[in-house]
Amino acid sequence: MNNPGRLRSGWEIYRWPLLVNMLALAGIFAALIGNGWWDGFSWLTLGLLSVGVSLTIGTRRLNVMARQHIGP
């Protein structure tokens, strides 16, 4: 991201969306196929995704507000 004019590879563009989707798929699959530790795995993966997405959206929102000099 240091050089905005640089072309990025497909891996650089899609690695985070791919990781998020793979974790979501693993969590949903675990919730559907089993009980016991599968439920814990499902809660863990889907919960981490929810927290991660919320933090990312919140951080980006604060950065935009700081650039525009808008109070919280």
C-alpha atoms as a PDB file:
ATOM      1  CA  MET A   1       0.000   0.000   0.000  1.00  0.00           C
ATOM      2  CA  ASN A   2       3.017   2.313   0.076  1.00  0.00           C
ATOM      3  CA  ASN A   3       2.935   2.871  -3.665  1.00  0.00           C
ATOM      4  CA  PRO A   4      -0.659   3.510  -4.816  1.00  0.00           C
ATOM      5  CA  GLY A   5       0.275   3.328  -8.508  1.00  0.00           C
ATOM      6  CA  ARG A   6       1.737  -0.172  -8.197  1.00  0.00           C
ATOM      7  CA  LEU A   7      -0.222  -3.084  -9.624  1.00  0.00           C
ATOM      8  CA  ARG A   8      -1.029  -5.694  -7.029  1.00  0.00           C
ATOM      9  CA  SER A   9      -1.152  -9.426  -7.646  1.00  0.00           C
ATOM     10  CA  GLY A  10      -4.319 -11.459  -7.245  1.00  0.00           C
ATOM     11  CA  TRP A  11      -2.947 -12.966  -4.035  1.00  0.00           C
ATOM     12  CA  GLU A  12      -2.369  -9.500  -2.532  1.00  0.00           C
ATOM     13  CA  ILE A  13      -5.930  -8.487  -3.372  1.00  0.00           C
ATOM     14  CA  TYR A  14      -7.827 -11.627  -2.416  1.00  0.00           C
ATOM     15  CA  ARG A  15      -5.873 -13.149   0.494  1.00  0.00           C
ATOM     16  CA  TRP A  16      -7.946 -11.561   3.305  1.00  0.00           C
ATOM     17  CA  PRO A  17     -11.364 -12.184   1.718  1.00  0.00           C
ATOM     18  CA  LEU A  18     -10.273 -15.757   1.023  1.00  0.00           C
ATOM     19  CA  LEU A  19      -9.222 -16.266   4.654  1.00  0.00           C
ATOM     20  CA  VAL A  20     -12.477 -14.790   5.983  1.00  0.00           C
ATOM     21  CA  ASN A  21     -14.574 -16.977   3.688  1.00  0.00           C
ATOM     22  CA  MET A  22     -12.602 -20.134   4.527  1.00  0.00           C
ATOM     23  CA  LEU A  23     -13.037 -19.520   8.274  1.00  0.00           C
ATOM     24  CA  ALA A  24     -16.751 -18.819   7.823  1.00  0.00           C
ATOM     25  CA  LEU A  25     -17.182 -21.976   5.760  1.00  0.00           C
ATOM     26  CA  ALA A  26     -15.311 -24.049   8.363  1.00  0.00           C
ATOM     27  CA  GLY A  27     -17.459 -22.607  11.166  1.00  0.00           C
ATOM     28  CA  ILE A  28     -20.736 -23.196   9.348  1.00  0.00           C
ATOM     29  CA  PHE A  29     -19.664 -26.701   8.323  1.00  0.00           C
ATOM     30  CA  ALA A  30     -18.703 -27.515  11.922  1.00  0.00           C
ATOM     31  CA  ALA A  31     -22.072 -26.242  13.186  1.00  0.00           C
ATOM     32  CA  LEU A  32     -23.934 -28.422  10.711  1.00  0.00           C
ATOM     33  CA  ILE A  33     -22.057 -31.713  11.062  1.00  0.00           C
ATOM     34  CA  GLY A  34     -21.540 -32.291  14.744  1.00  0.00           C
ATOM     35  CA  ASN A  35     -22.017 -31.720  18.427  1.00  0.00           C
ATOM     36  CA  GLY A  36     -19.612 -31.406  21.321  1.00  0.00           C
ATOM     37  CA  TRP A  37     -16.280 -29.884  20.342  1.00  0.00           C
ATOM     38  CA  TRP A  38     -17.643 -29.157  16.848  1.00  0.00           C
ATOM     39  CA  ASP A  39     -20.035 -26.668  18.427  1.00  0.00           C
ATOM     40  CA  GLY A  40     -17.157 -25.005  20.267  1.00  0.00           C
ATOM     41  CA  PHE A  41     -15.120 -24.819  17.065  1.00  0.00           C
ATOM     42  CA  SER A  42     -18.092 -23.299  15.267  1.00  0.00           C
ATOM     43  CA  TRP A  43     -18.656 -20.679  17.967  1.00  0.00           C
ATOM     44  CA  LEU A  44     -14.952 -19.847  18.020  1.00  0.00           C
ATOM     45  CA  THR A  45     -14.536 -19.372  14.268  1.00  0.00           C
ATOM     46  CA  LEU A  46     -17.769 -17.467  13.711  1.00  0.00           C
ATOM     47  CA  GLY A  47     -17.219 -15.363  16.839  1.00  0.00           C
ATOM     48  CA  LEU A  48     -13.681 -14.434  15.814  1.00  0.00           C
ATOM     49  CA  LEU A  49     -14.936 -13.447  12.393  1.00  0.00           C
ATOM     50  CA  SER A  50     -17.640 -11.248  13.898  1.00  0.00           C
ATOM     51  CA  VAL A  51     -15.173  -9.518  16.212  1.00  0.00           C
ATOM     52  CA  GLY A  52     -12.616  -9.093  13.428  1.00  0.00           C
ATOM     53  CA  VAL A  53     -15.090  -7.593  10.983  1.00  0.00           C
ATOM     54  CA  SER A  54     -16.524  -5.280  13.651  1.00  0.00           C
ATOM     55  CA  LEU A  55     -13.068  -4.039  14.646  1.00  0.00           C
ATOM     56  CA  THR A  56     -12.085  -3.500  11.019  1.00  0.00           C
ATOM     57  CA  ILE A  57     -15.226  -1.514  10.231  1.00  0.00           C
ATOM     58  CA  GLY A  58     -14.900   0.519  13.443  1.00  0.00           C
ATOM     59  CA  THR A  59     -11.234   1.303  12.836  1.00  0.00           C
ATOM     60  CA  ARG A  60     -11.835   2.371   9.253  1.00  0.00           C
ATOM     61  CA  ARG A  61     -14.755   4.526  10.324  1.00  0.00           C
ATOM     62  CA  LEU A  62     -12.615   6.280  12.937  1.00  0.00           C
ATOM     63  CA  ASN A  63      -9.866   6.833  10.351  1.00  0.00           C
ATOM     64  CA  VAL A  64     -12.343   8.435   7.932  1.00  0.00           C
ATOM     65  CA  MET A  65     -13.765  10.632  10.675  1.00  0.00           C
ATOM     66  CA  ALA A  66     -10.257  11.706  11.731  1.00  0.00           C
ATOM     67  CA  ARG A  67      -9.398  12.663   8.137  1.00  0.00           C
ATOM     68  CA  GLN A  68     -12.587  14.701   7.889  1.00  0.00           C
ATOM     69  CA  HIS A  69     -12.105  16.205  11.388  1.00  0.00           C
ATOM     70  CA  ILE A  70     -15.465  14.944  12.579  1.00  0.00           C
ATOM     71  CA  GLY A  71     -15.932  14.261  16.267  1.00  0.00           C
ATOM     72  CA  PRO A  72     -16.974  10.767  17.502  1.00  0.00           C
END
